[in-house]
Amino acid sequence: MQDRDIPLDTWPRRAALAHFRHMAQPAFSVTAPVDVTGLRERAHRHGATPWLAYHHAALEAANSVDAMRQTLTGDGTGVHEFAAIHASTTVLRDDGSFGFLTLPRDPSLTSFAARARLHLDRVRQASGDLFAADEPGDVREESLVHMTALPWFAFTAFTHARGRGDDRPKVAFGRFTPQGERLLMPVAVDVHHALCDGVHVGRFFEQLQARLDAI
């Protein structure tokens, strides 16, 4: 698979693109629980923490949904589709601030976790600039899914900060909470409506749960 420009004359969502791309607030957000029962034990077998495991599962789920690999072109009239997208997530630093960590896509959780561990401690120990100590390599900023984790509480809704022209998918993970014999985690997904509809978010959640279960 290669990057490509979407041929808009045959694209079923061209009317939605025209409708939503001029809106002042064209994004929408959905929050739903996912089942993470036993994730800690399963992730450990791959050398991963639960934090790394659910980031990996979410990134793989996003890559499986075409609409989440798409971005608007510079003038907002066209759509470009990436062959693969990557993640940037927030890391709580030792000084109480936070920094960004790039997580390149890797279908293998074991390899994904091994690379992330090499960079995670360095970002934790950094200070100052939000991107200090991050090493994105050849990952392009426009191909990122923005992620964050808030393990201190189980939210029921979440909104992300968006800059002008920001159409990137955004995912937030909340606290693990027991419910009966299961362990649930809230996940919020925020997407640009010119690119994604509810059906795409639904597919993302289906893939996320399937990938968490398969770890």
N, C-alpha and C. Protein backbone atom coordinates (compact mmCIF):
# COMPACT_ATOMS: atom_id res chain seq x y z
N MET A 1 0.84 -1.19 0.00
CA MET A 1 0.00 0.00 0.00
C MET A 1 0.88 1.25 0.00
N GLN A 2 0.47 2.25 -0.77
CA GLN A 2 1.22 3.50 -0.86
C GLN A 2 0.31 4.68 -0.52
N ASP A 3 0.94 5.81 -0.16
CA ASP A 3 0.18 7.05 -0.02
C ASP A 3 -0.52 7.36 -1.34
N ARG A 4 -1.68 8.00 -1.26
CA ARG A 4 -2.39 8.35 -2.49
C ARG A 4 -3.28 9.56 -2.26
N ASP A 5 -3.59 10.26 -3.35
CA ASP A 5 -4.59 11.30 -3.33
C ASP A 5 -5.93 10.68 -3.70
N ILE A 6 -6.96 11.01 -2.94
CA ILE A 6 -8.29 10.45 -3.19
C ILE A 6 -8.89 11.12 -4.43
N PRO A 7 -9.37 10.34 -5.42
CA PRO A 7 -10.06 10.94 -6.57
C PRO A 7 -11.47 11.39 -6.16
N LEU A 8 -11.63 12.67 -5.95
CA LEU A 8 -12.87 13.17 -5.36
C LEU A 8 -14.09 12.99 -6.24
N ASP A 9 -13.90 12.92 -7.56
CA ASP A 9 -15.07 12.80 -8.44
C ASP A 9 -15.81 11.48 -8.24
N THR A 10 -15.11 10.47 -7.69
CA THR A 10 -15.77 9.18 -7.44
C THR A 10 -15.83 8.85 -5.96
N TRP A 11 -15.44 9.80 -5.10
CA TRP A 11 -15.40 9.55 -3.64
C TRP A 11 -16.80 9.71 -3.04
N PRO A 12 -17.33 8.69 -2.40
CA PRO A 12 -18.70 8.78 -1.85
C PRO A 12 -18.89 9.89 -0.83
N ARG A 13 -17.81 10.34 -0.18
CA ARG A 13 -17.94 11.34 0.89
C ARG A 13 -17.64 12.77 0.42
N ARG A 14 -17.63 13.00 -0.89
CA ARG A 14 -17.28 14.34 -1.36
C ARG A 14 -18.28 15.39 -0.90
N ALA A 15 -19.56 15.02 -0.76
CA ALA A 15 -20.55 15.99 -0.28
C ALA A 15 -20.31 16.34 1.19
N ALA A 16 -19.91 15.35 2.00
CA ALA A 16 -19.60 15.61 3.41
C ALA A 16 -18.36 16.50 3.52
N LEU A 17 -17.39 16.28 2.67
CA LEU A 17 -16.20 17.14 2.66
C LEU A 17 -16.60 18.59 2.41
N ALA A 18 -17.42 18.81 1.39
CA ALA A 18 -17.84 20.16 1.05
C ALA A 18 -18.66 20.79 2.18
N HIS A 19 -19.44 19.97 2.87
CA HIS A 19 -20.32 20.48 3.93
C HIS A 19 -19.55 20.87 5.19
N PHE A 20 -18.62 20.04 5.61
CA PHE A 20 -17.98 20.23 6.91
C PHE A 20 -16.67 21.02 6.88
N ARG A 21 -16.00 21.10 5.72
CA ARG A 21 -14.66 21.67 5.73
C ARG A 21 -14.63 23.15 6.05
N HIS A 22 -15.74 23.86 5.89
CA HIS A 22 -15.76 25.30 6.17
C HIS A 22 -16.25 25.63 7.58
N MET A 23 -16.65 24.62 8.35
CA MET A 23 -17.20 24.88 9.67
C MET A 23 -16.11 25.32 10.64
N ALA A 24 -16.48 26.22 11.56
CA ALA A 24 -15.52 26.71 12.56
C ALA A 24 -15.09 25.59 13.51
N GLN A 25 -16.01 24.65 13.79
CA GLN A 25 -15.70 23.53 14.67
C GLN A 25 -16.19 22.26 13.98
N PRO A 26 -15.38 21.69 13.07
CA PRO A 26 -15.85 20.56 12.26
C PRO A 26 -15.57 19.19 12.86
N ALA A 27 -15.07 19.14 14.10
CA ALA A 27 -14.74 17.85 14.71
C ALA A 27 -15.87 17.38 15.62
N PHE A 28 -15.95 16.06 15.84
CA PHE A 28 -16.88 15.52 16.83
C PHE A 28 -16.17 14.45 17.65
N SER A 29 -16.67 14.23 18.87
CA SER A 29 -16.02 13.33 19.81
C SER A 29 -17.00 12.30 20.34
N VAL A 30 -16.52 11.07 20.51
CA VAL A 30 -17.32 9.97 21.05
C VAL A 30 -16.50 9.29 22.15
N THR A 31 -17.14 9.00 23.28
CA THR A 31 -16.48 8.28 24.37
C THR A 31 -17.23 6.99 24.64
N ALA A 32 -16.49 5.89 24.75
CA ALA A 32 -17.11 4.59 25.02
C ALA A 32 -16.13 3.73 25.82
N PRO A 33 -16.64 2.77 26.60
CA PRO A 33 -15.75 1.89 27.36
C PRO A 33 -15.25 0.73 26.51
N VAL A 34 -14.03 0.29 26.80
CA VAL A 34 -13.52 -0.95 26.22
C VAL A 34 -13.11 -1.87 27.36
N ASP A 35 -13.13 -3.15 27.07
CA ASP A 35 -12.82 -4.17 28.08
C ASP A 35 -11.31 -4.43 28.09
N VAL A 36 -10.69 -4.20 29.24
CA VAL A 36 -9.24 -4.43 29.38
C VAL A 36 -8.94 -5.51 30.43
N THR A 37 -9.92 -6.36 30.69
CA THR A 37 -9.73 -7.42 31.66
C THR A 37 -8.55 -8.31 31.26
N GLY A 38 -7.61 -8.50 32.17
CA GLY A 38 -6.46 -9.36 31.90
C GLY A 38 -5.39 -8.74 31.01
N LEU A 39 -5.54 -7.46 30.66
CA LEU A 39 -4.58 -6.85 29.74
C LEU A 39 -3.18 -6.80 30.33
N ARG A 40 -3.07 -6.52 31.62
CA ARG A 40 -1.75 -6.41 32.25
C ARG A 40 -0.95 -7.71 32.07
N GLU A 41 -1.59 -8.83 32.33
CA GLU A 41 -0.90 -10.12 32.23
C GLU A 41 -0.56 -10.45 30.77
N ARG A 42 -1.51 -10.18 29.86
CA ARG A 42 -1.26 -10.49 28.45
C ARG A 42 -0.15 -9.60 27.89
N ALA A 43 -0.17 -8.31 28.25
CA ALA A 43 0.84 -7.38 27.74
C ALA A 43 2.23 -7.77 28.23
N HIS A 44 2.32 -8.24 29.46
CA HIS A 44 3.62 -8.61 30.05
C HIS A 44 4.33 -9.67 29.22
N ARG A 45 3.57 -10.56 28.60
CA ARG A 45 4.17 -11.60 27.78
C ARG A 45 4.88 -11.04 26.55
N HIS A 46 4.53 -9.80 26.17
CA HIS A 46 5.15 -9.14 25.02
C HIS A 46 6.18 -8.10 25.45
N GLY A 47 6.49 -8.06 26.74
CA GLY A 47 7.43 -7.06 27.23
C GLY A 47 6.84 -5.68 27.26
N ALA A 48 5.52 -5.59 27.38
CA ALA A 48 4.83 -4.30 27.33
C ALA A 48 4.07 -4.04 28.62
N THR A 49 3.91 -2.78 28.96
CA THR A 49 3.01 -2.37 30.02
C THR A 49 1.61 -2.26 29.44
N PRO A 50 0.56 -2.19 30.28
CA PRO A 50 -0.77 -1.93 29.74
C PRO A 50 -0.82 -0.64 28.94
N TRP A 51 -0.10 0.40 29.40
CA TRP A 51 -0.06 1.69 28.70
C TRP A 51 0.43 1.51 27.27
N LEU A 52 1.50 0.79 27.10
CA LEU A 52 2.03 0.55 25.76
C LEU A 52 1.09 -0.35 24.96
N ALA A 53 0.47 -1.32 25.61
CA ALA A 53 -0.41 -2.25 24.91
C ALA A 53 -1.64 -1.55 24.35
N TYR A 54 -2.26 -0.67 25.15
CA TYR A 54 -3.47 -0.04 24.59
C TYR A 54 -3.12 1.06 23.58
N HIS A 55 -1.96 1.67 23.70
CA HIS A 55 -1.54 2.59 22.64
C HIS A 55 -1.33 1.82 21.33
N HIS A 56 -0.69 0.67 21.43
CA HIS A 56 -0.44 -0.13 20.23
C HIS A 56 -1.75 -0.60 19.61
N ALA A 57 -2.66 -1.10 20.43
CA ALA A 57 -3.94 -1.58 19.91
C ALA A 57 -4.72 -0.45 19.24
N ALA A 58 -4.71 0.73 19.83
CA ALA A 58 -5.42 1.87 19.25
C ALA A 58 -4.79 2.32 17.94
N LEU A 59 -3.47 2.30 17.87
CA LEU A 59 -2.80 2.71 16.64
C LEU A 59 -3.07 1.70 15.52
N GLU A 60 -3.05 0.42 15.85
CA GLU A 60 -3.37 -0.59 14.84
C GLU A 60 -4.83 -0.47 14.40
N ALA A 61 -5.72 -0.19 15.34
CA ALA A 61 -7.14 -0.01 14.99
C ALA A 61 -7.32 1.18 14.07
N ALA A 62 -6.64 2.29 14.37
CA ALA A 62 -6.74 3.48 13.52
C ALA A 62 -6.21 3.20 12.12
N ASN A 63 -5.13 2.44 12.02
CA ASN A 63 -4.59 2.11 10.70
C ASN A 63 -5.54 1.23 9.89
N SER A 64 -6.41 0.51 10.56
CA SER A 64 -7.34 -0.38 9.84
C SER A 64 -8.55 0.36 9.26
N VAL A 65 -8.72 1.63 9.64
CA VAL A 65 -9.87 2.43 9.17
C VAL A 65 -9.35 3.46 8.17
N ASP A 66 -9.72 3.32 6.90
CA ASP A 66 -9.20 4.20 5.86
C ASP A 66 -9.38 5.67 6.21
N ALA A 67 -10.56 6.03 6.71
CA ALA A 67 -10.87 7.43 6.98
C ALA A 67 -9.93 8.04 8.02
N MET A 68 -9.41 7.23 8.92
CA MET A 68 -8.52 7.75 9.95
C MET A 68 -7.09 7.89 9.45
N ARG A 69 -6.82 7.38 8.25
CA ARG A 69 -5.51 7.57 7.62
C ARG A 69 -5.53 8.72 6.60
N GLN A 70 -6.60 9.48 6.58
CA GLN A 70 -6.75 10.54 5.60
C GLN A 70 -6.55 11.92 6.22
N THR A 71 -6.14 12.86 5.38
CA THR A 71 -5.94 14.24 5.81
C THR A 71 -6.36 15.17 4.68
N LEU A 72 -6.79 16.37 5.03
CA LEU A 72 -7.15 17.36 4.02
C LEU A 72 -5.88 17.95 3.42
N THR A 73 -5.93 18.25 2.13
CA THR A 73 -4.80 18.92 1.49
C THR A 73 -4.74 20.37 1.95
N GLY A 74 -3.66 21.06 1.61
CA GLY A 74 -3.41 22.40 2.13
C GLY A 74 -4.55 23.38 1.98
N ASP A 75 -5.24 23.36 0.82
CA ASP A 75 -6.34 24.31 0.62
C ASP A 75 -7.68 23.78 1.11
N GLY A 76 -7.69 22.57 1.66
CA GLY A 76 -8.91 22.00 2.22
C GLY A 76 -9.88 21.45 1.21
N THR A 77 -9.52 21.43 -0.07
CA THR A 77 -10.45 20.96 -1.09
C THR A 77 -10.18 19.53 -1.53
N GLY A 78 -9.03 18.98 -1.13
CA GLY A 78 -8.68 17.62 -1.51
C GLY A 78 -8.39 16.76 -0.30
N VAL A 79 -8.22 15.47 -0.54
CA VAL A 79 -7.96 14.52 0.54
C VAL A 79 -6.80 13.62 0.15
N HIS A 80 -5.86 13.48 1.07
CA HIS A 80 -4.70 12.60 0.88
C HIS A 80 -4.82 11.45 1.88
N GLU A 81 -4.49 10.25 1.44
CA GLU A 81 -4.56 9.08 2.30
C GLU A 81 -3.16 8.50 2.49
N PHE A 82 -2.76 8.35 3.76
CA PHE A 82 -1.46 7.77 4.08
C PHE A 82 -1.53 6.25 4.04
N ALA A 83 -0.44 5.63 3.63
CA ALA A 83 -0.38 4.17 3.68
C ALA A 83 -0.37 3.68 5.12
N ALA A 84 0.25 4.46 6.00
CA ALA A 84 0.30 4.12 7.42
C ALA A 84 0.36 5.40 8.23
N ILE A 85 -0.23 5.37 9.40
CA ILE A 85 -0.16 6.50 10.32
C ILE A 85 0.53 6.05 11.60
N HIS A 86 1.02 7.02 12.35
CA HIS A 86 1.79 6.77 13.55
C HIS A 86 1.14 7.54 14.71
N ALA A 87 1.73 7.47 15.88
CA ALA A 87 1.12 8.12 17.04
C ALA A 87 2.09 9.08 17.70
N SER A 88 1.53 10.11 18.31
CA SER A 88 2.26 10.97 19.24
C SER A 88 1.43 11.01 20.51
N THR A 89 2.06 10.72 21.64
CA THR A 89 1.32 10.68 22.89
C THR A 89 2.00 11.55 23.95
N THR A 90 1.26 11.83 25.00
CA THR A 90 1.79 12.64 26.09
C THR A 90 2.45 11.74 27.14
N VAL A 91 3.53 12.25 27.72
CA VAL A 91 4.25 11.53 28.77
C VAL A 91 4.41 12.47 29.97
N LEU A 92 4.01 12.00 31.15
CA LEU A 92 4.20 12.79 32.36
C LEU A 92 5.68 12.79 32.73
N ARG A 93 6.26 13.98 32.82
CA ARG A 93 7.67 14.11 33.13
C ARG A 93 7.93 14.06 34.63
N ASP A 94 9.17 13.80 34.97
CA ASP A 94 9.55 13.74 36.38
C ASP A 94 9.36 15.07 37.09
N ASP A 95 9.40 16.19 36.34
CA ASP A 95 9.25 17.51 36.97
C ASP A 95 7.80 17.96 37.05
N GLY A 96 6.84 17.08 36.69
CA GLY A 96 5.43 17.40 36.79
C GLY A 96 4.82 17.99 35.54
N SER A 97 5.64 18.33 34.56
CA SER A 97 5.13 18.81 33.28
C SER A 97 4.92 17.61 32.35
N PHE A 98 4.64 17.86 31.08
CA PHE A 98 4.50 16.74 30.16
C PHE A 98 5.26 17.04 28.88
N GLY A 99 5.59 15.97 28.18
CA GLY A 99 6.25 16.08 26.88
C GLY A 99 5.60 15.12 25.90
N PHE A 100 5.99 15.24 24.64
CA PHE A 100 5.44 14.39 23.59
C PHE A 100 6.42 13.29 23.23
N LEU A 101 5.87 12.10 22.97
CA LEU A 101 6.65 10.95 22.55
C LEU A 101 6.05 10.40 21.25
N THR A 102 6.87 10.31 20.21
CA THR A 102 6.43 9.72 18.95
C THR A 102 6.50 8.21 19.03
N LEU A 103 5.43 7.55 18.59
CA LEU A 103 5.35 6.09 18.58
C LEU A 103 5.13 5.63 17.14
N PRO A 104 6.20 5.31 16.42
CA PRO A 104 6.04 4.84 15.04
C PRO A 104 5.25 3.53 15.00
N ARG A 105 4.48 3.37 13.96
CA ARG A 105 3.68 2.15 13.84
C ARG A 105 4.58 0.93 13.65
N ASP A 106 4.23 -0.14 14.34
CA ASP A 106 4.88 -1.44 14.17
C ASP A 106 3.82 -2.49 14.46
N PRO A 107 3.47 -3.32 13.50
CA PRO A 107 2.42 -4.32 13.73
C PRO A 107 2.70 -5.25 14.90
N SER A 108 3.96 -5.42 15.27
CA SER A 108 4.33 -6.30 16.38
C SER A 108 4.33 -5.52 17.68
N LEU A 109 3.53 -5.93 18.65
CA LEU A 109 3.53 -5.28 19.95
C LEU A 109 4.89 -5.41 20.62
N THR A 110 5.53 -6.55 20.49
CA THR A 110 6.83 -6.76 21.11
C THR A 110 7.85 -5.75 20.60
N SER A 111 7.91 -5.55 19.29
CA SER A 111 8.86 -4.60 18.70
C SER A 111 8.47 -3.17 19.03
N PHE A 112 7.17 -2.88 18.97
CA PHE A 112 6.66 -1.56 19.30
C PHE A 112 7.04 -1.17 20.73
N ALA A 113 6.85 -2.10 21.67
CA ALA A 113 7.15 -1.83 23.07
C ALA A 113 8.64 -1.67 23.30
N ALA A 114 9.45 -2.49 22.63
CA ALA A 114 10.90 -2.42 22.81
C ALA A 114 11.43 -1.06 22.37
N ARG A 115 10.94 -0.55 21.23
CA ARG A 115 11.41 0.75 20.77
C ARG A 115 10.93 1.85 21.71
N ALA A 116 9.67 1.78 22.12
CA ALA A 116 9.11 2.83 22.98
C ALA A 116 9.85 2.92 24.30
N ARG A 117 10.21 1.79 24.86
CA ARG A 117 10.92 1.80 26.15
C ARG A 117 12.26 2.51 26.05
N LEU A 118 12.90 2.42 24.89
CA LEU A 118 14.20 3.08 24.69
C LEU A 118 14.08 4.59 24.80
N HIS A 119 12.93 5.13 24.40
CA HIS A 119 12.75 6.58 24.34
C HIS A 119 11.93 7.14 25.50
N LEU A 120 11.13 6.30 26.13
CA LEU A 120 10.20 6.77 27.15
C LEU A 120 10.90 7.40 28.34
N ASP A 121 11.90 6.75 28.88
CA ASP A 121 12.60 7.30 30.05
C ASP A 121 13.27 8.63 29.74
N ARG A 122 13.82 8.76 28.53
CA ARG A 122 14.47 9.99 28.15
C ARG A 122 13.48 11.16 28.11
N VAL A 123 12.28 10.91 27.58
CA VAL A 123 11.26 11.95 27.54
C VAL A 123 10.80 12.28 28.95
N ARG A 124 10.67 11.28 29.81
CA ARG A 124 10.26 11.51 31.19
C ARG A 124 11.25 12.42 31.93
N GLN A 125 12.52 12.29 31.63
CA GLN A 125 13.55 13.04 32.33
C GLN A 125 13.81 14.41 31.73
N ALA A 126 13.20 14.71 30.60
CA ALA A 126 13.42 15.99 29.92
C ALA A 126 12.64 17.10 30.60
N SER A 127 12.91 18.31 30.20
CA SER A 127 12.17 19.47 30.70
C SER A 127 12.17 20.54 29.62
N GLY A 128 11.38 21.59 29.83
CA GLY A 128 11.36 22.68 28.87
C GLY A 128 10.45 22.39 27.69
N ASP A 129 10.98 22.51 26.49
CA ASP A 129 10.20 22.34 25.26
C ASP A 129 9.41 21.03 25.28
N LEU A 130 8.17 21.09 24.80
CA LEU A 130 7.31 19.90 24.83
C LEU A 130 7.86 18.75 24.01
N PHE A 131 8.68 19.06 23.02
CA PHE A 131 9.24 18.01 22.14
C PHE A 131 10.67 17.62 22.54
N ALA A 132 11.14 18.14 23.67
CA ALA A 132 12.49 17.83 24.11
C ALA A 132 12.66 16.32 24.31
N ALA A 133 13.75 15.79 23.77
CA ALA A 133 14.14 14.38 23.91
C ALA A 133 13.34 13.43 23.03
N ASP A 134 12.33 13.93 22.31
CA ASP A 134 11.61 13.06 21.39
C ASP A 134 12.45 12.87 20.13
N GLU A 135 12.39 11.68 19.56
CA GLU A 135 13.12 11.38 18.33
C GLU A 135 12.16 10.76 17.32
N PRO A 136 11.44 11.60 16.56
CA PRO A 136 10.44 11.07 15.62
C PRO A 136 11.02 10.37 14.41
N GLY A 137 12.32 10.54 14.15
CA GLY A 137 12.90 9.91 12.97
C GLY A 137 12.27 10.48 11.71
N ASP A 138 11.85 9.59 10.80
CA ASP A 138 11.27 10.06 9.54
C ASP A 138 9.74 10.12 9.58
N VAL A 139 9.15 10.04 10.78
CA VAL A 139 7.69 10.14 10.92
C VAL A 139 7.27 11.59 10.69
N ARG A 140 6.34 11.79 9.76
CA ARG A 140 5.87 13.14 9.43
C ARG A 140 4.76 13.56 10.39
N GLU A 141 4.79 14.81 10.79
CA GLU A 141 3.80 15.31 11.74
C GLU A 141 2.38 15.13 11.23
N GLU A 142 2.17 15.33 9.92
CA GLU A 142 0.82 15.25 9.37
C GLU A 142 0.28 13.82 9.33
N SER A 143 1.14 12.82 9.62
CA SER A 143 0.69 11.43 9.61
C SER A 143 0.44 10.88 11.01
N LEU A 144 0.33 11.77 12.01
CA LEU A 144 0.19 11.34 13.39
C LEU A 144 -1.26 11.26 13.86
N VAL A 145 -1.54 10.27 14.69
CA VAL A 145 -2.73 10.25 15.54
C VAL A 145 -2.28 10.81 16.89
N HIS A 146 -2.99 11.79 17.41
CA HIS A 146 -2.62 12.38 18.69
C HIS A 146 -3.30 11.61 19.82
N MET A 147 -2.51 11.13 20.78
CA MET A 147 -3.04 10.32 21.88
C MET A 147 -2.64 10.91 23.22
N THR A 148 -3.40 10.59 24.24
CA THR A 148 -3.07 10.99 25.59
C THR A 148 -3.72 10.02 26.57
N ALA A 149 -3.14 9.87 27.75
CA ALA A 149 -3.68 8.99 28.77
C ALA A 149 -3.93 9.78 30.05
N LEU A 150 -5.09 9.56 30.65
CA LEU A 150 -5.45 10.19 31.92
C LEU A 150 -5.84 9.09 32.90
N PRO A 151 -4.86 8.40 33.47
CA PRO A 151 -5.14 7.24 34.31
C PRO A 151 -5.66 7.58 35.70
N TRP A 152 -5.85 8.88 35.99
CA TRP A 152 -6.26 9.30 37.32
C TRP A 152 -7.78 9.27 37.51
N PHE A 153 -8.55 9.19 36.41
CA PHE A 153 -10.00 9.17 36.56
C PHE A 153 -10.63 8.53 35.32
N ALA A 154 -11.85 8.02 35.50
CA ALA A 154 -12.59 7.40 34.41
C ALA A 154 -13.58 8.43 33.88
N PHE A 155 -13.23 9.13 32.82
CA PHE A 155 -14.09 10.17 32.28
C PHE A 155 -15.25 9.58 31.48
N THR A 156 -16.28 10.37 31.30
CA THR A 156 -17.43 9.97 30.47
C THR A 156 -17.53 10.81 29.21
N ALA A 157 -16.70 11.83 29.10
CA ALA A 157 -16.61 12.64 27.88
C ALA A 157 -15.25 13.33 27.90
N PHE A 158 -14.79 13.74 26.72
CA PHE A 158 -13.47 14.35 26.64
C PHE A 158 -13.40 15.19 25.37
N THR A 159 -12.78 16.35 25.45
CA THR A 159 -12.53 17.16 24.26
C THR A 159 -11.04 17.48 24.17
N HIS A 160 -10.54 17.60 22.96
CA HIS A 160 -9.13 17.87 22.72
C HIS A 160 -8.95 19.30 22.24
N ALA A 161 -7.79 19.86 22.50
CA ALA A 161 -7.42 21.14 21.90
C ALA A 161 -7.11 20.91 20.42
N ARG A 162 -7.60 21.81 19.58
CA ARG A 162 -7.33 21.73 18.15
C ARG A 162 -6.90 23.09 17.63
N GLY A 163 -5.80 23.12 16.90
CA GLY A 163 -5.36 24.34 16.26
C GLY A 163 -6.05 24.52 14.92
N ARG A 164 -5.86 25.68 14.33
CA ARG A 164 -6.45 25.95 13.01
C ARG A 164 -5.92 24.95 11.99
N GLY A 165 -6.82 24.34 11.25
CA GLY A 165 -6.43 23.39 10.22
C GLY A 165 -6.06 22.01 10.72
N ASP A 166 -6.20 21.76 12.01
CA ASP A 166 -5.85 20.45 12.60
C ASP A 166 -6.97 19.45 12.31
N ASP A 167 -6.67 18.45 11.49
CA ASP A 167 -7.69 17.44 11.17
C ASP A 167 -7.28 16.05 11.64
N ARG A 168 -6.26 15.97 12.50
CA ARG A 168 -5.75 14.67 12.90
C ARG A 168 -6.69 13.98 13.89
N PRO A 169 -6.84 12.64 13.77
CA PRO A 169 -7.61 11.89 14.78
C PRO A 169 -6.94 12.02 16.15
N LYS A 170 -7.75 12.04 17.19
CA LYS A 170 -7.22 12.17 18.55
C LYS A 170 -7.90 11.14 19.44
N VAL A 171 -7.11 10.51 20.31
CA VAL A 171 -7.60 9.43 21.16
C VAL A 171 -7.13 9.68 22.59
N ALA A 172 -8.04 9.53 23.55
CA ALA A 172 -7.70 9.67 24.97
C ALA A 172 -8.12 8.40 25.71
N PHE A 173 -7.26 7.96 26.65
CA PHE A 173 -7.51 6.77 27.44
C PHE A 173 -7.66 7.16 28.91
N GLY A 174 -8.65 6.58 29.60
CA GLY A 174 -8.90 6.91 30.99
C GLY A 174 -8.50 5.79 31.94
N ARG A 175 -8.95 5.91 33.16
CA ARG A 175 -8.59 4.98 34.24
C ARG A 175 -9.29 3.64 34.09
N PHE A 176 -8.58 2.56 34.42
CA PHE A 176 -9.19 1.24 34.49
C PHE A 176 -10.15 1.22 35.69
N THR A 177 -11.36 0.73 35.46
CA THR A 177 -12.37 0.71 36.52
C THR A 177 -13.06 -0.65 36.57
N PRO A 178 -13.09 -1.32 37.74
CA PRO A 178 -13.80 -2.60 37.84
C PRO A 178 -15.30 -2.41 37.65
N GLN A 179 -15.89 -3.33 36.92
CA GLN A 179 -17.34 -3.36 36.77
C GLN A 179 -17.75 -4.83 36.79
N GLY A 180 -18.25 -5.27 37.95
CA GLY A 180 -18.50 -6.70 38.13
C GLY A 180 -17.17 -7.45 38.08
N GLU A 181 -17.12 -8.44 37.22
CA GLU A 181 -15.90 -9.23 37.08
C GLU A 181 -15.00 -8.70 35.97
N ARG A 182 -15.39 -7.63 35.31
CA ARG A 182 -14.64 -7.09 34.20
C ARG A 182 -13.89 -5.82 34.61
N LEU A 183 -12.92 -5.43 33.79
CA LEU A 183 -12.17 -4.21 33.98
C LEU A 183 -12.36 -3.38 32.72
N LEU A 184 -12.90 -2.17 32.88
CA LEU A 184 -13.21 -1.33 31.74
C LEU A 184 -12.35 -0.07 31.73
N MET A 185 -12.13 0.46 30.54
CA MET A 185 -11.38 1.70 30.36
C MET A 185 -12.15 2.60 29.39
N PRO A 186 -12.40 3.88 29.76
CA PRO A 186 -13.04 4.78 28.81
C PRO A 186 -12.04 5.23 27.75
N VAL A 187 -12.50 5.30 26.52
CA VAL A 187 -11.69 5.77 25.41
C VAL A 187 -12.49 6.83 24.66
N ALA A 188 -11.88 7.98 24.46
CA ALA A 188 -12.52 9.06 23.70
C ALA A 188 -11.83 9.19 22.36
N VAL A 189 -12.62 9.29 21.31
CA VAL A 189 -12.10 9.46 19.95
C VAL A 189 -12.66 10.75 19.38
N ASP A 190 -11.78 11.60 18.89
CA ASP A 190 -12.15 12.90 18.34
C ASP A 190 -11.65 12.95 16.89
N VAL A 191 -12.57 13.18 15.94
CA VAL A 191 -12.21 13.14 14.52
C VAL A 191 -12.83 14.31 13.77
N HIS A 192 -12.24 14.64 12.63
CA HIS A 192 -12.73 15.71 11.77
C HIS A 192 -13.86 15.16 10.91
N HIS A 193 -15.02 15.83 10.96
CA HIS A 193 -16.21 15.29 10.30
C HIS A 193 -16.15 15.35 8.78
N ALA A 194 -15.24 16.14 8.23
CA ALA A 194 -15.06 16.13 6.78
C ALA A 194 -14.43 14.83 6.31
N LEU A 195 -13.79 14.10 7.23
CA LEU A 195 -13.10 12.86 6.90
C LEU A 195 -13.76 11.62 7.50
N CYS A 196 -14.34 11.76 8.68
CA CYS A 196 -14.87 10.61 9.41
C CYS A 196 -16.33 10.81 9.79
N ASP A 197 -17.09 9.74 9.73
CA ASP A 197 -18.46 9.71 10.22
C ASP A 197 -18.54 8.75 11.41
N GLY A 198 -19.74 8.64 11.98
CA GLY A 198 -19.93 7.73 13.10
C GLY A 198 -19.59 6.29 12.76
N VAL A 199 -19.87 5.88 11.52
CA VAL A 199 -19.57 4.50 11.14
C VAL A 199 -18.07 4.22 11.22
N HIS A 200 -17.26 5.20 10.91
CA HIS A 200 -15.81 5.00 10.99
C HIS A 200 -15.35 4.89 12.43
N VAL A 201 -15.92 5.71 13.30
CA VAL A 201 -15.58 5.62 14.73
C VAL A 201 -16.04 4.27 15.28
N GLY A 202 -17.21 3.82 14.83
CA GLY A 202 -17.69 2.50 15.25
C GLY A 202 -16.74 1.39 14.84
N ARG A 203 -16.21 1.47 13.62
CA ARG A 203 -15.25 0.46 13.17
C ARG A 203 -13.97 0.53 13.99
N PHE A 204 -13.56 1.75 14.35
CA PHE A 204 -12.37 1.89 15.18
C PHE A 204 -12.56 1.17 16.51
N PHE A 205 -13.70 1.38 17.17
CA PHE A 205 -13.92 0.75 18.47
C PHE A 205 -14.00 -0.78 18.33
N GLU A 206 -14.59 -1.27 17.26
CA GLU A 206 -14.64 -2.72 17.03
C GLU A 206 -13.23 -3.28 16.88
N GLN A 207 -12.41 -2.60 16.10
CA GLN A 207 -11.04 -3.06 15.89
C GLN A 207 -10.20 -2.92 17.15
N LEU A 208 -10.41 -1.83 17.91
CA LEU A 208 -9.67 -1.66 19.15
C LEU A 208 -9.96 -2.79 20.13
N GLN A 209 -11.23 -3.12 20.30
CA GLN A 209 -11.56 -4.21 21.23
C GLN A 209 -11.00 -5.54 20.75
N ALA A 210 -11.10 -5.79 19.45
CA ALA A 210 -10.58 -7.04 18.91
C ALA A 210 -9.07 -7.16 19.11
N ARG A 211 -8.38 -6.06 18.94
CA ARG A 211 -6.92 -6.09 19.07
C ARG A 211 -6.49 -6.18 20.53
N LEU A 212 -7.22 -5.56 21.42
CA LEU A 212 -6.95 -5.72 22.84
C LEU A 212 -7.17 -7.18 23.27
N ASP A 213 -8.25 -7.77 22.78
CA ASP A 213 -8.55 -9.16 23.12
C ASP A 213 -7.50 -10.13 22.58
N ALA A 214 -6.88 -9.74 21.45
CA ALA A 214 -5.93 -10.65 20.78
C ALA A 214 -4.53 -10.60 21.35
N ILE A 215 -4.26 -9.65 22.24
CA ILE A 215 -2.91 -9.55 22.84
C ILE A 215 -2.62 -10.78 23.70
